[in-house]
């Protein structure tokens, strides 16, 4: 009986050792994946920093003004270009509404 119990404990210890071995390798694989993801996050953050720097360089007001002067034919507004509020019509003209087909066919 004591040999059976000893053999049972040896089997339990072996199974435990195999389980620990499997868990250890899963943890190592998960740590590798975590390290890969952390490297990817760092690369993305560096890309974001570069893009923000480019965006701030591209959006400098002096640069935008020079581009607008070169490519757009904009002139400063003159006082005569402003209109009065009472010159705007109160209502828009009536636009005929489209009738659904069923109602239009009933009327025929």
Protein backbone atom coordinates (compact mmCIF):
# COMPACT_ATOMS: atom_id res chain seq x y z
CA UNK A 1 0.00 0.00 0.00
CA UNK A 2 2.81 2.40 0.82
CA UNK A 3 4.39 1.73 -2.61
CA UNK A 4 1.10 2.64 -4.25
CA UNK A 5 0.92 5.90 -2.28
CA UNK A 6 4.56 6.67 -3.09
CA UNK A 7 3.95 5.97 -6.78
CA UNK A 8 0.83 8.15 -6.66
CA UNK A 9 2.82 11.03 -5.13
CA UNK A 10 5.54 10.62 -7.72
CA UNK A 11 2.91 10.82 -10.47
CA UNK A 12 1.34 13.88 -8.86
CA UNK A 13 4.76 15.52 -8.52
CA UNK A 14 5.56 14.72 -12.16
CA UNK A 15 2.24 16.14 -13.32
CA UNK A 16 2.87 19.26 -11.26
CA UNK A 17 6.35 19.63 -12.75
CA UNK A 18 4.93 19.31 -16.29
CA UNK A 19 2.24 21.88 -15.51
CA UNK A 20 4.84 24.29 -14.11
CA UNK A 21 7.02 23.75 -17.20
CA UNK A 22 4.06 24.51 -19.48
CA UNK A 23 3.08 27.60 -17.49
CA UNK A 24 6.68 28.83 -17.49
CA UNK A 25 6.84 28.68 -21.30
CA UNK A 26 3.46 30.36 -21.64
CA UNK A 27 4.66 33.17 -19.39
CA UNK A 28 7.83 33.56 -21.45
CA UNK A 29 5.76 33.73 -24.63
CA UNK A 30 3.43 36.31 -23.05
CA UNK A 31 6.43 38.39 -21.92
CA UNK A 32 7.81 38.35 -25.48
CA UNK A 33 4.44 39.47 -26.80
CA UNK A 34 4.28 42.22 -24.18
CA UNK A 35 7.78 43.41 -25.11
CA UNK A 36 6.80 43.42 -28.81
CA UNK A 37 3.68 45.44 -28.06
CA UNK A 38 5.65 47.90 -25.91
CA UNK A 39 8.13 48.42 -28.76
CA UNK A 40 5.25 48.99 -31.17
CA UNK A 41 3.70 51.52 -28.78
CA UNK A 42 7.00 53.38 -28.48
CA UNK A 43 7.35 53.48 -32.27
CA UNK A 44 3.80 54.79 -32.64
CA UNK A 45 4.43 57.46 -30.00
CA UNK A 46 7.58 58.54 -31.82
CA UNK A 47 5.61 58.70 -35.07
CA UNK A 48 2.98 60.83 -33.38
CA UNK A 49 5.65 63.20 -32.08
CA UNK A 50 7.14 63.53 -35.57
CA UNK A 51 3.71 64.13 -37.10
CA UNK A 52 2.88 66.78 -34.49
CA UNK A 53 6.18 68.52 -35.19
CA UNK A 54 5.45 68.46 -38.92
CA UNK A 55 1.92 69.74 -38.32
CA UNK A 56 3.15 72.65 -36.23
CA UNK A 57 5.76 73.46 -38.90
CA UNK A 58 3.23 73.30 -41.73
CA UNK A 59 0.67 75.41 -39.84
CA UNK A 60 2.91 78.34 -39.02
CA UNK A 61 0.95 81.54 -39.70
CA UNK A 62 3.75 83.17 -41.69
CA UNK A 63 3.99 80.14 -43.96
CA UNK A 64 0.21 80.00 -44.42
CA UNK A 65 0.10 83.72 -45.20
CA UNK A 66 2.86 83.36 -47.81
CA UNK A 67 1.02 80.43 -49.42
CA UNK A 68 -2.27 82.35 -49.42
CA UNK A 69 -0.65 85.37 -51.04
CA UNK A 70 1.02 83.18 -53.65
CA UNK A 71 -1.91 80.93 -54.57
CA UNK A 72 -5.10 82.78 -53.64
CA UNK A 73 -6.35 86.00 -55.12
CA UNK A 74 -7.87 87.34 -51.92
CA UNK A 75 -8.26 91.02 -51.23
CA UNK A 76 -9.20 92.72 -47.97
CA UNK A 77 -12.91 93.47 -47.67
CA UNK A 78 -14.07 96.98 -48.37
CA UNK A 79 -16.88 98.68 -46.44
CA UNK A 80 -19.08 98.78 -49.57
CA UNK A 81 -19.15 94.98 -49.68
CA UNK A 82 -21.15 94.74 -46.48
CA UNK A 83 -24.93 94.56 -46.82
CA UNK A 84 -27.73 95.52 -44.50
CA UNK A 85 -29.76 92.98 -42.59
CA UNK A 86 -33.09 94.47 -43.71
CA UNK A 87 -32.05 93.91 -47.34
CA UNK A 88 -32.31 90.15 -46.78
CA UNK A 89 -35.81 88.82 -47.70
CA UNK A 90 -37.85 87.69 -44.68
CA UNK A 91 -39.03 84.43 -46.27
CA UNK A 92 -37.69 82.33 -49.04
CA UNK A 93 -39.98 82.03 -52.09
CA UNK A 94 -42.43 79.13 -52.06
CA UNK A 95 -41.01 76.04 -53.66
CA UNK A 96 -43.54 73.50 -54.96
CA UNK A 97 -43.27 70.28 -53.02
CA UNK A 98 -43.13 66.92 -54.72
CA UNK A 99 -46.18 64.73 -54.18
CA UNK A 100 -45.89 61.01 -53.60
CA UNK A 101 -46.89 58.86 -56.60
CA UNK A 102 -49.95 57.33 -54.92
CA UNK A 103 -51.51 60.73 -54.22
CA UNK A 104 -50.60 62.01 -57.67
CA UNK A 105 -52.25 58.96 -59.33
CA UNK A 106 -55.44 59.35 -57.23
CA UNK A 107 -55.87 62.88 -58.45
CA UNK A 108 -55.72 61.77 -62.08
